[in-house]
PDB file of N, CA and C in Angstrom:
ATOM      1  N   MET A   1    -222.857 124.987 112.813  1.00  0.00           N
ATOM      2  CA  MET A   1    -222.150 126.805 112.875  1.00  0.00           C
ATOM      3  C   MET A   1    -220.828 126.307 112.166  1.00  0.00           C
ATOM      4  N   SER A   2    -220.235 127.164 111.730  1.00  0.00           N
ATOM      5  CA  SER A   2    -219.188 127.266 111.089  1.00  0.00           C
ATOM      6  C   SER A   2    -218.471 127.939 111.909  1.00  0.00           C
ATOM      7  N   THR A   3    -217.564 128.171 111.242  1.00  0.00           N
ATOM      8  CA  THR A   3    -216.002 128.454 112.313  1.00  0.00           C
ATOM      9  C   THR A   3    -216.054 129.792 111.076  1.00  0.00           C
ATOM     10  N   LYS A   4    -215.519 129.983 110.040  1.00  0.00           N
ATOM     11  CA  LYS A   4    -215.451 131.046 108.779  1.00  0.00           C
ATOM     12  C   LYS A   4    -215.695 132.175 108.846  1.00  0.00           C
ATOM     13  N   ARG A   5    -214.613 132.840 109.890  1.00  0.00           N
ATOM     14  CA  ARG A   5    -215.438 134.509 109.490  1.00  0.00           C
ATOM     15  C   ARG A   5    -215.533 135.208 108.703  1.00  0.00           C
ATOM     16  N   GLN A   6    -216.353 136.327 108.271  1.00  0.00           N
ATOM     17  CA  GLN A   6    -216.640 136.753 107.127  1.00  0.00           C
ATOM     18  C   GLN A   6    -215.676 137.891 107.161  1.00  0.00           C
ATOM     19  N   LYS A   7    -215.654 138.256 105.716  1.00  0.00           N
ATOM     20  CA  LYS A   7    -214.762 139.240 105.335  1.00  0.00           C
ATOM     21  C   LYS A   7    -215.912 141.134 104.715  1.00  0.00           C
ATOM     22  N   PRO A   8    -215.546 141.778 105.837  1.00  0.00           N
ATOM     23  CA  PRO A   8    -216.338 143.126 105.739  1.00  0.00           C
ATOM     24  C   PRO A   8    -215.561 143.827 103.722  1.00  0.00           C
ATOM     25  N   ALA A   9    -217.205 144.524 104.012  1.00  0.00           N
ATOM     26  CA  ALA A   9    -216.591 145.123 102.242  1.00  0.00           C
ATOM     27  C   ALA A   9    -216.419 146.399 102.339  1.00  0.00           C
ATOM     28  N   THR A  10    -216.823 146.900 103.784  1.00  0.00           N
ATOM     29  CA  THR A  10    -216.179 148.654 103.746  1.00  0.00           C
ATOM     30  C   THR A  10    -215.487 148.511 105.212  1.00  0.00           C
ATOM     31  N   THR A  11    -214.659 149.481 105.752  1.00  0.00           N
ATOM     32  CA  THR A  11    -213.883 149.998 106.759  1.00  0.00           C
ATOM     33  C   THR A  11    -214.957 150.252 107.910  1.00  0.00           C
ATOM     34  N   LEU A  12    -216.254 150.703 107.864  1.00  0.00           N
ATOM     35  CA  LEU A  12    -216.826 150.645 109.034  1.00  0.00           C
ATOM     36  C   LEU A  12    -217.515 149.086 109.300  1.00  0.00           C
ATOM     37  N   GLU A  13    -217.996 148.269 108.348  1.00  0.00           N
ATOM     38  CA  GLU A  13    -218.478 147.121 108.358  1.00  0.00           C
ATOM     39  C   GLU A  13    -217.375 146.504 109.165  1.00  0.00           C
ATOM     40  N   ALA A  14    -215.851 146.617 108.913  1.00  0.00           N
ATOM     41  CA  ALA A  14    -214.757 146.262 109.444  1.00  0.00           C
ATOM     42  C   ALA A  14    -214.568 146.320 111.028  1.00  0.00           C
ATOM     43  N   GLU A  15    -214.818 147.365 111.067  1.00  0.00           N
ATOM     44  CA  GLU A  15    -214.532 147.965 112.529  1.00  0.00           C
ATOM     45  C   GLU A  15    -215.934 147.014 113.489  1.00  0.00           C
ATOM     46  N   LEU A  16    -217.393 147.224 112.921  1.00  0.00           N
ATOM     47  CA  LEU A  16    -218.074 146.472 113.971  1.00  0.00           C
ATOM     48  C   LEU A  16    -217.958 144.823 113.915  1.00  0.00           C
ATOM     49  N   LEU A  17    -217.644 144.473 113.011  1.00  0.00           N
ATOM     50  CA  LEU A  17    -217.314 143.350 113.238  1.00  0.00           C
ATOM     51  C   LEU A  17    -216.272 142.896 114.271  1.00  0.00           C
ATOM     52  N   GLU A  18    -214.969 143.809 114.176  1.00  0.00           N
ATOM     53  CA  GLU A  18    -213.922 143.455 115.129  1.00  0.00           C
ATOM     54  C   GLU A  18    -214.347 143.659 116.350  1.00  0.00           C
ATOM     55  N   ILE A  19    -215.304 143.970 116.942  1.00  0.00           N
ATOM     56  CA  ILE A  19    -215.553 144.931 117.969  1.00  0.00           C
ATOM     57  C   ILE A  19    -216.682 143.840 118.609  1.00  0.00           C
ATOM     58  N   ALA A  20    -217.780 142.900 117.299  1.00  0.00           N
ATOM     59  CA  ALA A  20    -217.999 142.467 117.561  1.00  0.00           C
ATOM     60  C   ALA A  20    -217.806 141.326 118.572  1.00  0.00           C
ATOM     61  N   HIS A  21    -216.450 141.141 116.888  1.00  0.00           N
ATOM     62  CA  HIS A  21    -215.785 139.750 118.147  1.00  0.00           C
ATOM     63  C   HIS A  21    -214.627 139.360 119.005  1.00  0.00           C
ATOM     64  N   ARG A  22    -214.330 140.646 118.941  1.00  0.00           N
ATOM     65  CA  ARG A  22    -214.159 141.066 120.327  1.00  0.00           C
ATOM     66  C   ARG A  22    -214.541 141.267 121.568  1.00  0.00           C
ATOM     67  N   HIS A  23    -215.724 141.741 121.701  1.00  0.00           N
ATOM     68  CA  HIS A  23    -216.844 141.610 122.723  1.00  0.00           C
ATOM     69  C   HIS A  23    -217.250 140.914 123.386  1.00  0.00           C
ATOM     70  N   ILE A  24    -217.835 139.749 121.406  1.00  0.00           N
ATOM     71  CA  ILE A  24    -219.135 138.664 121.841  1.00  0.00           C
ATOM     72  C   ILE A  24    -218.456 137.928 120.789  1.00  0.00           C
ATOM     73  N   ASP A  25    -217.742 136.890 121.340  1.00  0.00           N
ATOM     74  CA  ASP A  25    -217.031 136.185 120.764  1.00  0.00           C
ATOM     75  C   ASP A  25    -218.021 135.009 119.856  1.00  0.00           C
ATOM     76  N   ARG A  26    -218.954 134.465 119.715  1.00  0.00           N
ATOM     77  CA  ARG A  26    -219.771 133.632 119.021  1.00  0.00           C
ATOM     78  C   ARG A  26    -220.675 134.182 118.054  1.00  0.00           C
ATOM     79  N   ILE A  27    -220.167 135.423 117.731  1.00  0.00           N
ATOM     80  CA  ILE A  27    -221.004 136.250 116.811  1.00  0.00           C
ATOM     81  C   ILE A  27    -219.581 135.627 115.623  1.00  0.00           C
ATOM     82  N   GLU A  28    -220.348 135.419 114.547  1.00  0.00           N
ATOM     83  CA  GLU A  28    -219.236 134.966 113.193  1.00  0.00           C
ATOM     84  C   GLU A  28    -219.597 135.852 112.287  1.00  0.00           C
ATOM     85  N   THR A  29    -220.738 136.831 112.175  1.00  0.00           N
ATOM     86  CA  THR A  29    -221.098 137.761 110.916  1.00  0.00           C
ATOM     87  C   THR A  29    -221.833 138.604 111.668  1.00  0.00           C
ATOM     88  N   LEU A  30    -221.750 139.107 111.253  1.00  0.00           N
ATOM     89  CA  LEU A  30    -223.347 141.154 111.422  1.00  0.00           C
ATOM     90  C   LEU A  30    -224.135 140.575 110.347  1.00  0.00           C
ATOM     91  N   GLU A  31    -224.121 139.855 109.225  1.00  0.00           N
ATOM     92  CA  GLU A  31    -225.125 139.687 108.070  1.00  0.00           C
ATOM     93  C   GLU A  31    -226.123 138.692 108.349  1.00  0.00           C
ATOM     94  N   THR A  32    -226.787 139.260 107.862  1.00  0.00           N
ATOM     95  CA  THR A  32    -228.285 138.222 107.888  1.00  0.00           C
ATOM     96  C   THR A  32    -228.210 136.937 107.272  1.00  0.00           C
ATOM     97  N   ARG A  33    -228.726 135.945 107.983  1.00  0.00           N
ATOM     98  CA  ARG A  33    -228.719 134.365 107.316  1.00  0.00           C
ATOM     99  C   ARG A  33    -230.024 134.017 107.282  1.00  0.00           C
ATOM    100  N   ARG A  34    -230.623 134.425 107.834  1.00  0.00           N
ATOM    101  CA  ARG A  34    -232.447 134.497 107.731  1.00  0.00           C
ATOM    102  C   ARG A  34    -232.888 133.055 108.224  1.00  0.00           C
ATOM    103  N   SER A  35    -232.085 133.004 109.378  1.00  0.00           N
ATOM    104  CA  SER A  35    -232.347 131.678 110.576  1.00  0.00           C
ATOM    105  C   SER A  35    -232.301 132.162 112.063  1.00  0.00           C
ATOM    106  N   ASP A  36    -233.564 132.157 112.234  1.00  0.00           N
ATOM    107  CA  ASP A  36    -233.426 132.673 113.922  1.00  0.00           C
ATOM    108  C   ASP A  36    -231.834 132.018 114.401  1.00  0.00           C
ATOM    109  N   SER A  37    -231.447 130.664 114.625  1.00  0.00           N
ATOM    110  CA  SER A  37    -230.469 130.217 115.130  1.00  0.00           C
ATOM    111  C   SER A  37    -229.428 130.877 115.198  1.00  0.00           C
ATOM    112  N   LEU A  38    -229.538 131.174 113.205  1.00  0.00           N
ATOM    113  CA  LEU A  38    -227.990 131.613 113.215  1.00  0.00           C
ATOM    114  C   LEU A  38    -227.785 133.673 113.507  1.00  0.00           C
ATOM    115  N   ASP A  39    -229.089 134.118 113.739  1.00  0.00           N
ATOM    116  CA  ASP A  39    -229.540 135.335 113.799  1.00  0.00           C
ATOM    117  C   ASP A  39    -229.573 136.134 114.961  1.00  0.00           C
ATOM    118  N   PHE A  40    -229.430 135.962 115.325  1.00  0.00           N
ATOM    119  CA  PHE A  40    -230.123 135.928 116.730  1.00  0.00           C
ATOM    120  C   PHE A  40    -229.460 135.327 118.142  1.00  0.00           C
ATOM    121  N   HIS A  41    -229.160 135.794 119.178  1.00  0.00           N
ATOM    122  CA  HIS A  41    -228.365 135.193 120.062  1.00  0.00           C
ATOM    123  C   HIS A  41    -228.515 136.506 121.277  1.00  0.00           C
ATOM    124  N   ASP A  42    -228.369 134.761 122.586  1.00  0.00           N
ATOM    125  CA  ASP A  42    -228.677 135.530 123.980  1.00  0.00           C
ATOM    126  C   ASP A  42    -227.117 136.469 124.722  1.00  0.00           C
ATOM    127  N   ILE A  43    -226.911 137.667 125.267  1.00  0.00           N
ATOM    128  CA  ILE A  43    -225.860 137.903 125.419  1.00  0.00           C
ATOM    129  C   ILE A  43    -226.093 138.389 126.627  1.00  0.00           C
ATOM    130  N   ALA A  44    -225.050 138.113 127.142  1.00  0.00           N
ATOM    131  CA  ALA A  44    -225.192 139.486 128.369  1.00  0.00           C
ATOM    132  C   ALA A  44    -225.078 141.027 128.550  1.00  0.00           C
ATOM    133  N   VAL A  45    -225.887 141.488 129.162  1.00  0.00           N
ATOM    134  CA  VAL A  45    -225.434 143.292 129.720  1.00  0.00           C
ATOM    135  C   VAL A  45    -224.561 143.355 129.069  1.00  0.00           C
ATOM    136  N   TRP A  46    -223.677 143.119 130.267  1.00  0.00           N
ATOM    137  CA  TRP A  46    -221.844 143.598 130.357  1.00  0.00           C
ATOM    138  C   TRP A  46    -221.809 143.159 128.515  1.00  0.00           C
ATOM    139  N   GLU A  47    -222.121 142.194 127.874  1.00  0.00           N
ATOM    140  CA  GLU A  47    -221.282 142.221 126.470  1.00  0.00           C
ATOM    141  C   GLU A  47    -221.317 143.233 125.866  1.00  0.00           C
ATOM    142  N   LEU A  48    -223.064 143.321 125.245  1.00  0.00           N
ATOM    143  CA  LEU A  48    -223.871 144.268 124.973  1.00  0.00           C
ATOM    144  C   LEU A  48    -222.855 145.717 124.969  1.00  0.00           C
ATOM    145  N   LYS A  49    -222.896 145.820 126.281  1.00  0.00           N
ATOM    146  CA  LYS A  49    -222.547 147.630 127.097  1.00  0.00           C
ATOM    147  C   LYS A  49    -221.036 147.597 126.595  1.00  0.00           C
ATOM    148  N   SER A  50    -220.245 146.069 126.904  1.00  0.00           N
ATOM    149  CA  SER A  50    -218.485 146.950 126.446  1.00  0.00           C
ATOM    150  C   SER A  50    -218.348 146.769 124.963  1.00  0.00           C
ATOM    151  N   ALA A  51    -219.331 145.779 124.252  1.00  0.00           N
ATOM    152  CA  ALA A  51    -219.820 146.010 122.795  1.00  0.00           C
ATOM    153  C   ALA A  51    -219.588 147.882 122.108  1.00  0.00           C
ATOM    154  N   LEU A  52    -221.232 148.343 122.891  1.00  0.00           N
ATOM    155  CA  LEU A  52    -221.565 149.561 122.666  1.00  0.00           C
ATOM    156  C   LEU A  52    -220.365 150.777 122.742  1.00  0.00           C
ATOM    157  N   GLU A  53    -219.698 150.565 123.937  1.00  0.00           N
ATOM    158  CA  GLU A  53    -218.657 151.300 124.772  1.00  0.00           C
ATOM    159  C   GLU A  53    -217.548 151.605 123.521  1.00  0.00           C
ATOM    160  N   ALA A  54    -216.631 150.345 123.333  1.00  0.00           N
ATOM    161  CA  ALA A  54    -215.847 150.635 122.116  1.00  0.00           C
ATOM    162  C   ALA A  54    -216.033 151.294 120.684  1.00  0.00           C
ATOM    163  N   ALA A  55    -217.585 151.004 120.402  1.00  0.00           N
ATOM    164  CA  ALA A  55    -218.227 151.050 119.284  1.00  0.00           C
ATOM    165  C   ALA A  55    -218.220 153.473 119.373  1.00  0.00           C
ATOM    166  N   TYR A  56    -218.241 153.214 120.924  1.00  0.00           N
ATOM    167  CA  TYR A  56    -218.624 154.795 120.777  1.00  0.00           C
ATOM    168  C   TYR A  56    -217.086 155.159 120.466  1.00  0.00           C
ATOM    169  N   ARG A  57    -215.899 155.196 121.401  1.00  0.00           N
ATOM    170  CA  ARG A  57    -214.936 154.827 121.289  1.00  0.00           C
ATOM    171  C   ARG A  57    -214.372 155.033 120.144  1.00  0.00           C
ATOM    172  N   ALA A  58    -214.581 153.883 119.182  1.00  0.00           N
ATOM    173  CA  ALA A  58    -213.757 154.327 118.068  1.00  0.00           C
ATOM    174  C   ALA A  58    -214.946 155.846 117.293  1.00  0.00           C
ATOM    175  N   GLY A  59    -215.444 155.763 117.018  1.00  0.00           N
ATOM    176  CA  GLY A  59    -216.510 156.848 116.918  1.00  0.00           C
ATOM    177  C   GLY A  59    -215.488 157.868 117.262  1.00  0.00           C
ATOM    178  N   GLN A  60    -215.766 157.956 118.057  1.00  0.00           N
ATOM    179  CA  GLN A  60    -214.934 159.136 119.152  1.00  0.00           C
ATOM    180  C   GLN A  60    -213.568 159.484 117.924  1.00  0.00           C
ATOM    181  N   ALA A  61    -212.875 158.082 118.146  1.00  0.00           N
ATOM    182  CA  ALA A  61    -211.420 158.456 118.190  1.00  0.00           C
ATOM    183  C   ALA A  61    -211.402 158.451 116.063  1.00  0.00           C
ATOM    184  N   SER A  62    -212.313 158.236 115.646  1.00  0.00           N
ATOM    185  CA  SER A  62    -212.592 158.436 114.138  1.00  0.00           C
ATOM    186  C   SER A  62    -212.631 160.325 113.557  1.00  0.00           C
ATOM    187  N   VAL A  63    -213.326 160.784 114.749  1.00  0.00           N
ATOM    188  CA  VAL A  63    -213.606 161.884 114.644  1.00  0.00           C
ATOM    189  C   VAL A  63    -212.592 162.575 115.031  1.00  0.00           C
ATOM    190  N   ALA A  64    -212.010 162.177 116.106  1.00  0.00           N
ATOM    191  CA  ALA A  64    -210.882 162.942 116.566  1.00  0.00           C
ATOM    192  C   ALA A  64    -209.436 163.621 115.268  1.00  0.00           C
ATOM    193  N   LYS A  65    -209.163 162.048 114.990  1.00  0.00           N
ATOM    194  CA  LYS A  65    -208.401 161.754 113.586  1.00  0.00           C
ATOM    195  C   LYS A  65    -208.840 162.519 113.024  1.00  0.00           C
ATOM    196  N   LYS A  66    -209.741 162.998 112.691  1.00  0.00           N
ATOM    197  CA  LYS A  66    -210.658 164.036 110.675  1.00  0.00           C
ATOM    198  C   LYS A  66    -210.496 165.263 111.114  1.00  0.00           C
ATOM    199  N   ILE A  67    -210.562 165.491 112.670  1.00  0.00           N
ATOM    200  CA  ILE A  67    -209.844 167.725 112.791  1.00  0.00           C
ATOM    201  C   ILE A  67    -208.766 167.653 113.532  1.00  0.00           C
ATOM    202  N   GLY A  68    -208.657 166.251 114.119  1.00  0.00           N
ATOM    203  CA  GLY A  68    -206.476 166.516 114.253  1.00  0.00           C
ATOM    204  C   GLY A  68    -206.291 167.027 115.768  1.00  0.00           C
ATOM    205  N   THR A  69    -207.008 166.000 116.036  1.00  0.00           N
ATOM    206  CA  THR A  69    -206.387 166.392 118.226  1.00  0.00           C
ATOM    207  C   THR A  69    -207.336 164.861 118.684  1.00  0.00           C
ATOM    208  N   TRP A  70    -207.791 164.418 119.373  1.00  0.00           N
ATOM    209  CA  TRP A  70    -207.579 163.477 120.849  1.00  0.00           C
ATOM    210  C   TRP A  70    -208.209 163.975 122.131  1.00  0.00           C
ATOM    211  N   THR A  71    -209.191 163.558 121.888  1.00  0.00           N
ATOM    212  CA  THR A  71    -210.228 164.380 122.623  1.00  0.00           C
ATOM    213  C   THR A  71    -210.651 163.032 124.509  1.00  0.00           C
TER     214      THR A  71
END
């Protein structure tokens, strides 16, 4: 398994990858690598919950920034 981290192409991809790295550290990339051992991961429900909450908060922050308020 490589320890090289992927460079995302867009801001959204970068944010999602950062969330994955922060909450599920064994995920190196969000790109499909066409290998079950590389594309499927066993993760705990609390890791998934934490990552989903972070993505939700990032979405809220993005909307608040666009409309100029913080919720």
